[in-house]
Amino acid sequence: MKNLKLLIVILITAQLGYAQEIDFGAKLGVNFATLNDATEASNKTGFVGGAFLSAKFTKIGLQAELLYSQQGAEIDATEFDLNYVNIPVLFKFYLIGGLNVQAGPQFGFLIDDNLEDSVRSGVEAETFDLSGAAGLGFDLPAGLRADARYVFGLTDTIDGGDGKNGVFMLSLGYSFL
């Protein structure tokens, strides 16, 4: 895991030297989360916010983010509140103007959970979540950005149970550079 983190940092740092545009900024938004593959799971609405670092090379770009993300679901009488620090690393392809398609892996680290459980006992959340992310973004004038993204879990969220994170995220950002 440490080698993977180091490789990501090296790749991002090496590519920044060739970038035509480098952006750093903050973003805020809303998550509509659920647990896919879990029967009768309903959506949970939560906050997402953090920082991004982006490099654009003509029609392609690379963006890394550090996000606090409220996720989870409600299943029967059980409330699954899962709070993560997520690190998406997104490749971006610019279509027209600021409109872009983005996709890449997301690495999630559970920092807090609140598993209210009136029926089951011993339910534990996994501390690491590997996901894929895909969506659309638009770089607006004056440093503003808008993103719509779907994050699909590749690993189970609950230890020993079925259910992967599924999050539809809407966010607005502002570039300081």
N, C-alpha and C. Protein backbone atom coordinates (compact mmCIF):
# COMPACT_ATOMS: atom_id res chain seq x y z
N MET A 1 0.83 -1.19 0.00
CA MET A 1 0.00 0.00 0.00
C MET A 1 0.87 1.26 0.00
N LYS A 2 1.96 1.22 0.81
CA LYS A 2 2.86 2.37 0.84
C LYS A 2 3.51 2.59 -0.52
N ASN A 3 3.86 1.49 -1.20
CA ASN A 3 4.47 1.61 -2.52
C ASN A 3 3.50 2.22 -3.52
N LEU A 4 2.22 1.86 -3.42
CA LEU A 4 1.20 2.42 -4.31
C LEU A 4 1.05 3.92 -4.09
N LYS A 5 1.01 4.34 -2.84
CA LYS A 5 0.90 5.77 -2.53
C LYS A 5 2.12 6.53 -3.07
N LEU A 6 3.30 5.96 -2.86
CA LEU A 6 4.52 6.60 -3.34
C LEU A 6 4.52 6.70 -4.86
N LEU A 7 4.09 5.65 -5.54
CA LEU A 7 4.02 5.66 -7.00
C LEU A 7 3.07 6.75 -7.50
N ILE A 8 1.92 6.89 -6.86
CA ILE A 8 0.95 7.92 -7.26
C ILE A 8 1.55 9.31 -7.09
N VAL A 9 2.19 9.56 -5.95
CA VAL A 9 2.81 10.86 -5.71
C VAL A 9 3.90 11.15 -6.74
N ILE A 10 4.73 10.17 -7.05
CA ILE A 10 5.81 10.35 -8.03
C ILE A 10 5.23 10.65 -9.42
N LEU A 11 4.21 9.90 -9.83
CA LEU A 11 3.61 10.12 -11.15
C LEU A 11 2.99 11.50 -11.26
N ILE A 12 2.28 11.91 -10.24
CA ILE A 12 1.64 13.24 -10.27
C ILE A 12 2.70 14.32 -10.28
N THR A 13 3.71 14.20 -9.45
CA THR A 13 4.77 15.21 -9.37
C THR A 13 5.54 15.30 -10.69
N ALA A 14 5.86 14.16 -11.29
CA ALA A 14 6.60 14.16 -12.55
C ALA A 14 5.81 14.82 -13.67
N GLN A 15 4.52 14.59 -13.71
CA GLN A 15 3.69 15.14 -14.78
C GLN A 15 3.42 16.63 -14.60
N LEU A 16 3.48 17.14 -13.38
CA LEU A 16 3.20 18.56 -13.16
C LEU A 16 4.19 19.46 -13.89
N GLY A 17 5.43 18.98 -14.08
CA GLY A 17 6.42 19.77 -14.79
C GLY A 17 6.08 20.01 -16.25
N TYR A 18 5.27 19.16 -16.84
CA TYR A 18 4.90 19.27 -18.24
C TYR A 18 3.53 19.92 -18.45
N ALA A 19 2.89 20.27 -17.39
CA ALA A 19 1.52 20.79 -17.48
C ALA A 19 1.49 22.20 -18.04
N GLN A 20 0.45 22.48 -18.83
CA GLN A 20 0.23 23.84 -19.32
C GLN A 20 -0.50 24.66 -18.27
N GLU A 21 -1.38 24.03 -17.52
CA GLU A 21 -2.14 24.71 -16.48
C GLU A 21 -2.12 23.88 -15.21
N ILE A 22 -1.81 24.51 -14.10
CA ILE A 22 -1.87 23.84 -12.81
C ILE A 22 -2.88 24.59 -11.95
N ASP A 23 -3.78 23.84 -11.34
CA ASP A 23 -4.81 24.42 -10.49
C ASP A 23 -4.76 23.79 -9.11
N PHE A 24 -5.03 24.59 -8.11
CA PHE A 24 -5.20 24.12 -6.74
C PHE A 24 -6.42 24.82 -6.19
N GLY A 25 -7.28 24.08 -5.53
CA GLY A 25 -8.48 24.72 -5.02
C GLY A 25 -9.24 23.88 -4.02
N ALA A 26 -10.42 24.37 -3.69
CA ALA A 26 -11.30 23.71 -2.73
C ALA A 26 -12.62 23.39 -3.40
N LYS A 27 -13.30 22.38 -2.88
CA LYS A 27 -14.60 22.01 -3.42
C LYS A 27 -15.52 21.56 -2.30
N LEU A 28 -16.81 21.81 -2.50
CA LEU A 28 -17.86 21.42 -1.57
C LEU A 28 -19.00 20.82 -2.37
N GLY A 29 -19.72 19.88 -1.74
CA GLY A 29 -20.84 19.31 -2.46
C GLY A 29 -21.68 18.40 -1.60
N VAL A 30 -22.49 17.61 -2.29
CA VAL A 30 -23.42 16.71 -1.64
C VAL A 30 -23.27 15.31 -2.22
N ASN A 31 -23.35 14.31 -1.34
CA ASN A 31 -23.33 12.90 -1.73
C ASN A 31 -24.72 12.31 -1.60
N PHE A 32 -25.07 11.45 -2.54
CA PHE A 32 -26.25 10.61 -2.43
C PHE A 32 -25.71 9.18 -2.44
N ALA A 33 -25.61 8.58 -1.25
CA ALA A 33 -24.89 7.32 -1.08
C ALA A 33 -25.83 6.17 -0.76
N THR A 34 -25.38 4.98 -1.11
CA THR A 34 -26.08 3.75 -0.74
C THR A 34 -25.05 2.63 -0.70
N LEU A 35 -25.51 1.45 -0.32
CA LEU A 35 -24.66 0.26 -0.38
C LEU A 35 -25.22 -0.64 -1.47
N ASN A 36 -24.51 -0.73 -2.58
CA ASN A 36 -24.93 -1.60 -3.68
C ASN A 36 -24.77 -3.06 -3.25
N ASP A 37 -25.52 -3.93 -3.84
CA ASP A 37 -25.52 -5.37 -3.53
C ASP A 37 -26.13 -5.69 -2.18
N ALA A 38 -26.56 -4.69 -1.43
CA ALA A 38 -27.23 -4.93 -0.15
C ALA A 38 -28.74 -4.81 -0.38
N THR A 39 -29.47 -5.80 0.04
CA THR A 39 -30.91 -5.79 -0.20
C THR A 39 -31.59 -4.71 0.62
N GLU A 40 -32.53 -4.04 0.01
CA GLU A 40 -33.37 -3.03 0.65
C GLU A 40 -32.58 -1.86 1.24
N ALA A 41 -31.48 -1.51 0.63
CA ALA A 41 -30.70 -0.35 1.10
C ALA A 41 -31.31 0.92 0.51
N SER A 42 -31.48 1.93 1.36
CA SER A 42 -31.99 3.21 0.88
C SER A 42 -30.89 4.25 0.94
N ASN A 43 -31.06 5.32 0.19
CA ASN A 43 -30.04 6.35 0.06
C ASN A 43 -29.84 7.13 1.35
N LYS A 44 -28.61 7.63 1.49
CA LYS A 44 -28.25 8.53 2.58
C LYS A 44 -27.62 9.76 1.94
N THR A 45 -28.07 10.93 2.35
CA THR A 45 -27.52 12.18 1.83
C THR A 45 -26.46 12.67 2.80
N GLY A 46 -25.32 13.12 2.27
CA GLY A 46 -24.23 13.58 3.12
C GLY A 46 -23.41 14.66 2.45
N PHE A 47 -22.47 15.19 3.20
CA PHE A 47 -21.58 16.27 2.79
C PHE A 47 -20.31 15.69 2.18
N VAL A 48 -19.74 16.39 1.21
CA VAL A 48 -18.41 16.09 0.70
C VAL A 48 -17.68 17.41 0.53
N GLY A 49 -16.42 17.45 0.90
CA GLY A 49 -15.64 18.67 0.74
C GLY A 49 -14.16 18.39 0.91
N GLY A 50 -13.34 19.25 0.31
CA GLY A 50 -11.91 19.08 0.43
C GLY A 50 -11.16 19.92 -0.58
N ALA A 51 -9.99 19.42 -0.98
CA ALA A 51 -9.09 20.16 -1.86
C ALA A 51 -8.76 19.33 -3.09
N PHE A 52 -8.36 20.03 -4.16
CA PHE A 52 -7.94 19.35 -5.38
C PHE A 52 -6.67 19.99 -5.92
N LEU A 53 -5.89 19.19 -6.63
CA LEU A 53 -4.72 19.64 -7.37
C LEU A 53 -4.85 19.06 -8.77
N SER A 54 -4.81 19.94 -9.77
CA SER A 54 -5.10 19.52 -11.13
C SER A 54 -4.03 20.03 -12.08
N ALA A 55 -3.70 19.21 -13.06
CA ALA A 55 -2.77 19.61 -14.11
C ALA A 55 -3.42 19.31 -15.45
N LYS A 56 -3.39 20.29 -16.36
CA LYS A 56 -4.00 20.11 -17.68
C LYS A 56 -2.92 20.18 -18.75
N PHE A 57 -2.95 19.20 -19.65
CA PHE A 57 -2.03 19.12 -20.78
C PHE A 57 -2.88 19.10 -22.04
N THR A 58 -3.06 20.20 -22.69
CA THR A 58 -3.93 20.35 -23.87
C THR A 58 -5.30 19.70 -23.63
N LYS A 59 -5.58 18.54 -24.23
CA LYS A 59 -6.90 17.90 -24.12
C LYS A 59 -7.03 16.91 -22.97
N ILE A 60 -5.94 16.59 -22.30
CA ILE A 60 -6.01 15.65 -21.18
C ILE A 60 -5.54 16.32 -19.90
N GLY A 61 -5.93 15.75 -18.79
CA GLY A 61 -5.53 16.29 -17.50
C GLY A 61 -5.49 15.20 -16.45
N LEU A 62 -4.93 15.55 -15.31
CA LEU A 62 -4.83 14.66 -14.17
C LEU A 62 -5.23 15.45 -12.94
N GLN A 63 -6.09 14.90 -12.12
CA GLN A 63 -6.55 15.61 -10.93
C GLN A 63 -6.54 14.66 -9.74
N ALA A 64 -5.91 15.08 -8.66
CA ALA A 64 -5.92 14.36 -7.39
C ALA A 64 -6.70 15.21 -6.39
N GLU A 65 -7.46 14.53 -5.54
CA GLU A 65 -8.27 15.24 -4.56
C GLU A 65 -8.08 14.61 -3.19
N LEU A 66 -8.30 15.40 -2.16
CA LEU A 66 -8.33 14.94 -0.78
C LEU A 66 -9.67 15.40 -0.23
N LEU A 67 -10.58 14.44 0.01
CA LEU A 67 -11.96 14.77 0.34
C LEU A 67 -12.41 14.12 1.65
N TYR A 68 -13.18 14.87 2.43
CA TYR A 68 -13.94 14.31 3.54
C TYR A 68 -15.31 13.97 2.97
N SER A 69 -15.77 12.74 3.18
CA SER A 69 -16.99 12.28 2.52
C SER A 69 -17.88 11.52 3.49
N GLN A 70 -19.13 11.99 3.63
CA GLN A 70 -20.13 11.28 4.44
C GLN A 70 -20.89 10.33 3.53
N GLN A 71 -20.84 9.05 3.86
CA GLN A 71 -21.46 8.02 3.04
C GLN A 71 -22.25 7.07 3.92
N GLY A 72 -22.77 6.01 3.33
CA GLY A 72 -23.51 5.00 4.09
C GLY A 72 -24.84 4.70 3.46
N ALA A 73 -25.76 4.18 4.28
CA ALA A 73 -27.10 3.81 3.82
C ALA A 73 -27.96 3.48 5.03
N GLU A 74 -29.21 3.25 4.76
CA GLU A 74 -30.11 2.73 5.79
C GLU A 74 -30.70 1.44 5.26
N ILE A 75 -30.57 0.38 6.05
CA ILE A 75 -31.09 -0.93 5.67
C ILE A 75 -31.97 -1.43 6.81
N ASP A 76 -33.24 -1.63 6.51
CA ASP A 76 -34.22 -2.03 7.54
C ASP A 76 -34.16 -1.02 8.68
N ALA A 77 -33.86 -1.48 9.89
CA ALA A 77 -33.80 -0.58 11.05
C ALA A 77 -32.37 -0.18 11.37
N THR A 78 -31.45 -0.47 10.46
CA THR A 78 -30.03 -0.24 10.72
C THR A 78 -29.53 0.98 9.96
N GLU A 79 -28.92 1.90 10.67
CA GLU A 79 -28.33 3.10 10.06
C GLU A 79 -26.83 2.89 9.93
N PHE A 80 -26.32 3.00 8.69
CA PHE A 80 -24.89 2.88 8.43
C PHE A 80 -24.35 4.26 8.07
N ASP A 81 -23.71 4.92 9.02
CA ASP A 81 -23.06 6.21 8.77
C ASP A 81 -21.57 5.94 8.65
N LEU A 82 -21.02 6.20 7.49
CA LEU A 82 -19.61 5.93 7.21
C LEU A 82 -18.95 7.22 6.74
N ASN A 83 -17.93 7.68 7.45
CA ASN A 83 -17.22 8.90 7.10
C ASN A 83 -15.80 8.53 6.66
N TYR A 84 -15.45 8.99 5.48
CA TYR A 84 -14.17 8.63 4.87
C TYR A 84 -13.32 9.86 4.56
N VAL A 85 -12.02 9.63 4.49
CA VAL A 85 -11.11 10.51 3.76
C VAL A 85 -10.85 9.78 2.45
N ASN A 86 -11.30 10.37 1.36
CA ASN A 86 -11.16 9.76 0.03
C ASN A 86 -10.10 10.49 -0.78
N ILE A 87 -9.34 9.70 -1.54
CA ILE A 87 -8.32 10.25 -2.42
C ILE A 87 -8.58 9.73 -3.83
N PRO A 88 -9.39 10.45 -4.62
CA PRO A 88 -9.55 10.07 -6.02
C PRO A 88 -8.39 10.60 -6.86
N VAL A 89 -7.95 9.81 -7.81
CA VAL A 89 -6.93 10.21 -8.78
C VAL A 89 -7.59 10.04 -10.15
N LEU A 90 -7.94 11.16 -10.76
CA LEU A 90 -8.79 11.15 -11.95
C LEU A 90 -8.03 11.59 -13.19
N PHE A 91 -8.21 10.85 -14.26
CA PHE A 91 -7.73 11.26 -15.56
C PHE A 91 -8.89 11.99 -16.23
N LYS A 92 -8.58 13.13 -16.85
CA LYS A 92 -9.62 13.96 -17.45
C LYS A 92 -9.36 14.12 -18.94
N PHE A 93 -10.42 14.04 -19.71
CA PHE A 93 -10.34 14.29 -21.14
C PHE A 93 -11.28 15.45 -21.45
N TYR A 94 -10.71 16.53 -21.99
CA TYR A 94 -11.49 17.74 -22.29
C TYR A 94 -12.12 17.62 -23.67
N LEU A 95 -13.44 17.77 -23.71
CA LEU A 95 -14.19 17.64 -24.96
C LEU A 95 -14.26 18.97 -25.70
N ILE A 96 -14.99 19.92 -25.15
CA ILE A 96 -15.16 21.25 -25.74
C ILE A 96 -15.03 22.27 -24.62
N GLY A 97 -14.14 23.23 -24.78
CA GLY A 97 -13.96 24.23 -23.74
C GLY A 97 -13.58 23.59 -22.42
N GLY A 98 -14.33 23.89 -21.38
CA GLY A 98 -14.04 23.33 -20.06
C GLY A 98 -14.75 22.03 -19.76
N LEU A 99 -15.58 21.54 -20.69
CA LEU A 99 -16.32 20.30 -20.46
C LEU A 99 -15.37 19.11 -20.51
N ASN A 100 -15.40 18.27 -19.48
CA ASN A 100 -14.49 17.13 -19.44
C ASN A 100 -15.16 15.88 -18.91
N VAL A 101 -14.62 14.75 -19.36
CA VAL A 101 -15.00 13.43 -18.86
C VAL A 101 -13.87 13.01 -17.93
N GLN A 102 -14.22 12.47 -16.77
CA GLN A 102 -13.19 12.10 -15.80
C GLN A 102 -13.41 10.69 -15.28
N ALA A 103 -12.32 9.97 -15.06
CA ALA A 103 -12.40 8.60 -14.55
C ALA A 103 -11.09 8.22 -13.89
N GLY A 104 -11.19 7.34 -12.89
CA GLY A 104 -9.99 6.86 -12.23
C GLY A 104 -10.31 6.15 -10.93
N PRO A 105 -9.27 5.71 -10.23
CA PRO A 105 -9.48 5.02 -8.95
C PRO A 105 -9.71 6.01 -7.81
N GLN A 106 -10.33 5.51 -6.76
CA GLN A 106 -10.48 6.29 -5.53
C GLN A 106 -10.10 5.39 -4.35
N PHE A 107 -9.28 5.93 -3.47
CA PHE A 107 -8.82 5.21 -2.29
C PHE A 107 -9.49 5.84 -1.07
N GLY A 108 -10.26 5.05 -0.33
CA GLY A 108 -11.02 5.57 0.80
C GLY A 108 -10.52 5.00 2.12
N PHE A 109 -10.39 5.87 3.11
CA PHE A 109 -9.93 5.47 4.43
C PHE A 109 -11.00 5.86 5.45
N LEU A 110 -11.59 4.87 6.09
CA LEU A 110 -12.65 5.10 7.06
C LEU A 110 -12.09 5.81 8.27
N ILE A 111 -12.67 6.96 8.63
CA ILE A 111 -12.20 7.69 9.81
C ILE A 111 -13.21 7.65 10.95
N ASP A 112 -14.47 7.35 10.62
CA ASP A 112 -15.50 7.28 11.66
C ASP A 112 -16.69 6.50 11.12
N ASP A 113 -17.30 5.72 11.99
CA ASP A 113 -18.54 5.05 11.60
C ASP A 113 -19.51 5.08 12.77
N ASN A 114 -20.76 5.06 12.43
CA ASN A 114 -21.83 4.99 13.42
C ASN A 114 -22.80 3.95 12.90
N LEU A 115 -22.62 2.74 13.37
CA LEU A 115 -23.46 1.64 12.92
C LEU A 115 -24.52 1.37 13.98
N GLU A 116 -25.63 2.11 13.89
CA GLU A 116 -26.73 1.89 14.82
C GLU A 116 -27.43 0.61 14.40
N ASP A 117 -27.46 -0.34 15.30
CA ASP A 117 -27.96 -1.65 14.93
C ASP A 117 -28.84 -2.19 16.04
N SER A 118 -30.12 -2.23 15.78
CA SER A 118 -31.03 -2.76 16.79
C SER A 118 -31.26 -4.26 16.62
N VAL A 119 -30.85 -4.83 15.50
CA VAL A 119 -31.12 -6.24 15.23
C VAL A 119 -29.83 -7.07 15.26
N ARG A 120 -28.81 -6.61 14.56
CA ARG A 120 -27.58 -7.38 14.42
C ARG A 120 -26.52 -6.88 15.40
N SER A 121 -25.65 -7.76 15.82
CA SER A 121 -24.54 -7.34 16.66
C SER A 121 -23.24 -7.77 16.00
N GLY A 122 -22.16 -7.11 16.35
CA GLY A 122 -20.86 -7.45 15.81
C GLY A 122 -20.63 -6.97 14.39
N VAL A 123 -21.40 -6.01 13.90
CA VAL A 123 -21.23 -5.48 12.55
C VAL A 123 -20.05 -4.50 12.56
N GLU A 124 -19.08 -4.73 11.70
CA GLU A 124 -17.89 -3.89 11.62
C GLU A 124 -17.72 -3.36 10.20
N ALA A 125 -17.34 -2.10 10.10
CA ALA A 125 -17.05 -1.50 8.79
C ALA A 125 -15.60 -1.75 8.43
N GLU A 126 -15.35 -2.01 7.15
CA GLU A 126 -13.98 -2.15 6.65
C GLU A 126 -13.29 -0.79 6.71
N THR A 127 -12.01 -0.77 7.03
CA THR A 127 -11.29 0.50 7.19
C THR A 127 -10.75 1.06 5.88
N PHE A 128 -10.71 0.24 4.82
CA PHE A 128 -10.23 0.69 3.52
C PHE A 128 -11.27 0.38 2.47
N ASP A 129 -11.47 1.32 1.56
CA ASP A 129 -12.45 1.15 0.48
C ASP A 129 -11.79 1.51 -0.84
N LEU A 130 -11.72 0.56 -1.75
CA LEU A 130 -11.21 0.82 -3.09
C LEU A 130 -12.40 0.96 -4.02
N SER A 131 -12.43 2.06 -4.77
CA SER A 131 -13.56 2.35 -5.66
C SER A 131 -13.05 2.83 -7.01
N GLY A 132 -13.95 2.84 -7.96
CA GLY A 132 -13.73 3.48 -9.24
C GLY A 132 -14.63 4.70 -9.31
N ALA A 133 -14.21 5.70 -10.06
CA ALA A 133 -15.00 6.93 -10.18
C ALA A 133 -15.08 7.32 -11.65
N ALA A 134 -16.25 7.82 -12.05
CA ALA A 134 -16.44 8.31 -13.41
C ALA A 134 -17.47 9.42 -13.39
N GLY A 135 -17.25 10.43 -14.23
CA GLY A 135 -18.22 11.51 -14.25
C GLY A 135 -17.90 12.57 -15.28
N LEU A 136 -18.62 13.67 -15.16
CA LEU A 136 -18.45 14.83 -16.02
C LEU A 136 -18.09 16.03 -15.17
N GLY A 137 -17.27 16.89 -15.73
CA GLY A 137 -16.91 18.13 -15.05
C GLY A 137 -16.97 19.28 -16.03
N PHE A 138 -17.05 20.47 -15.47
CA PHE A 138 -17.03 21.66 -16.31
C PHE A 138 -16.23 22.73 -15.59
N ASP A 139 -15.15 23.18 -16.23
CA ASP A 139 -14.33 24.27 -15.70
C ASP A 139 -14.93 25.57 -16.21
N LEU A 140 -15.51 26.32 -15.30
CA LEU A 140 -16.20 27.57 -15.62
C LEU A 140 -15.24 28.74 -15.55
N PRO A 141 -15.63 29.90 -16.08
CA PRO A 141 -14.79 31.09 -15.95
C PRO A 141 -14.61 31.49 -14.48
N ALA A 142 -13.62 32.31 -14.22
CA ALA A 142 -13.33 32.87 -12.89
C ALA A 142 -12.93 31.79 -11.88
N GLY A 143 -12.39 30.66 -12.35
CA GLY A 143 -11.89 29.64 -11.45
C GLY A 143 -12.93 28.71 -10.86
N LEU A 144 -14.17 28.83 -11.28
CA LEU A 144 -15.22 27.95 -10.76
C LEU A 144 -15.24 26.63 -11.50
N ARG A 145 -15.65 25.57 -10.79
CA ARG A 145 -15.76 24.23 -11.37
C ARG A 145 -17.03 23.56 -10.89
N ALA A 146 -17.58 22.72 -11.71
CA ALA A 146 -18.73 21.91 -11.33
C ALA A 146 -18.45 20.46 -11.75
N ASP A 147 -18.80 19.53 -10.87
CA ASP A 147 -18.57 18.11 -11.14
C ASP A 147 -19.81 17.30 -10.78
N ALA A 148 -20.09 16.29 -11.58
CA ALA A 148 -21.09 15.27 -11.29
C ALA A 148 -20.37 13.93 -11.50
N ARG A 149 -20.35 13.11 -10.46
CA ARG A 149 -19.53 11.91 -10.50
C ARG A 149 -20.26 10.75 -9.82
N TYR A 150 -20.04 9.55 -10.34
CA TYR A 150 -20.52 8.35 -9.66
C TYR A 150 -19.31 7.55 -9.21
N VAL A 151 -19.32 7.17 -7.95
CA VAL A 151 -18.25 6.38 -7.36
C VAL A 151 -18.81 5.00 -7.05
N PHE A 152 -18.20 3.97 -7.60
CA PHE A 152 -18.69 2.60 -7.42
C PHE A 152 -17.64 1.78 -6.68
N GLY A 153 -18.06 1.23 -5.54
CA GLY A 153 -17.15 0.45 -4.71
C GLY A 153 -16.73 -0.84 -5.38
N LEU A 154 -15.47 -1.18 -5.20
CA LEU A 154 -14.93 -2.44 -5.71
C LEU A 154 -14.70 -3.44 -4.58
N THR A 155 -14.72 -2.96 -3.34
CA THR A 155 -14.54 -3.81 -2.17
C THR A 155 -15.76 -3.69 -1.27
N ASP A 156 -16.02 -4.74 -0.48
CA ASP A 156 -17.14 -4.72 0.45
C ASP A 156 -16.91 -3.68 1.54
N THR A 157 -17.98 -3.03 1.95
CA THR A 157 -17.93 -1.98 2.95
C THR A 157 -18.04 -2.53 4.37
N ILE A 158 -18.84 -3.58 4.53
CA ILE A 158 -19.07 -4.18 5.84
C ILE A 158 -18.31 -5.50 5.91
N ASP A 159 -17.55 -5.70 6.99
CA ASP A 159 -16.76 -6.90 7.18
C ASP A 159 -17.67 -8.13 7.18
N GLY A 160 -17.42 -9.04 6.25
CA GLY A 160 -18.18 -10.28 6.17
C GLY A 160 -19.55 -10.14 5.54
N GLY A 161 -19.87 -8.97 5.01
CA GLY A 161 -21.20 -8.77 4.44
C GLY A 161 -21.14 -8.33 3.01
N ASP A 162 -22.29 -8.39 2.36
CA ASP A 162 -22.39 -7.88 1.00
C ASP A 162 -22.74 -6.40 1.06
N GLY A 163 -22.24 -5.67 0.14
CA GLY A 163 -22.55 -4.24 0.05
C GLY A 163 -21.31 -3.44 -0.24
N LYS A 164 -21.34 -2.79 -1.38
CA LYS A 164 -20.23 -1.92 -1.79
C LYS A 164 -20.76 -0.50 -1.87
N ASN A 165 -19.90 0.46 -1.58
CA ASN A 165 -20.30 1.86 -1.65
C ASN A 165 -20.73 2.22 -3.07
N GLY A 166 -21.80 2.95 -3.17
CA GLY A 166 -22.26 3.55 -4.41
C GLY A 166 -22.64 4.99 -4.10
N VAL A 167 -21.93 5.94 -4.69
CA VAL A 167 -22.12 7.35 -4.32
C VAL A 167 -22.25 8.20 -5.58
N PHE A 168 -23.34 8.95 -5.66
CA PHE A 168 -23.49 9.97 -6.70
C PHE A 168 -23.14 11.29 -6.04
N MET A 169 -22.14 11.99 -6.57
CA MET A 169 -21.61 13.20 -5.95
C MET A 169 -21.79 14.39 -6.88
N LEU A 170 -22.32 15.47 -6.34
CA LEU A 170 -22.41 16.75 -7.03
C LEU A 170 -21.57 17.75 -6.24
N SER A 171 -20.69 18.49 -6.93
CA SER A 171 -19.84 19.43 -6.20
C SER A 171 -19.53 20.67 -7.03
N LEU A 172 -19.23 21.73 -6.30
CA LEU A 172 -18.74 22.98 -6.88
C LEU A 172 -17.37 23.26 -6.28
N GLY A 173 -16.48 23.77 -7.10
CA GLY A 173 -15.14 24.06 -6.62
C GLY A 173 -14.67 25.43 -7.08
N TYR A 174 -13.60 25.87 -6.44
CA TYR A 174 -12.98 27.15 -6.80
C TYR A 174 -11.47 26.96 -6.84
N SER A 175 -10.85 27.37 -7.94
CA SER A 175 -9.41 27.28 -8.10
C SER A 175 -8.75 28.56 -7.62
N PHE A 176 -7.75 28.42 -6.76
CA PHE A 176 -7.04 29.57 -6.22
C PHE A 176 -5.93 30.06 -7.15
N LEU A 177 -5.56 29.25 -8.14
CA LEU A 177 -4.46 29.63 -9.05
C LEU A 177 -4.98 30.12 -10.38
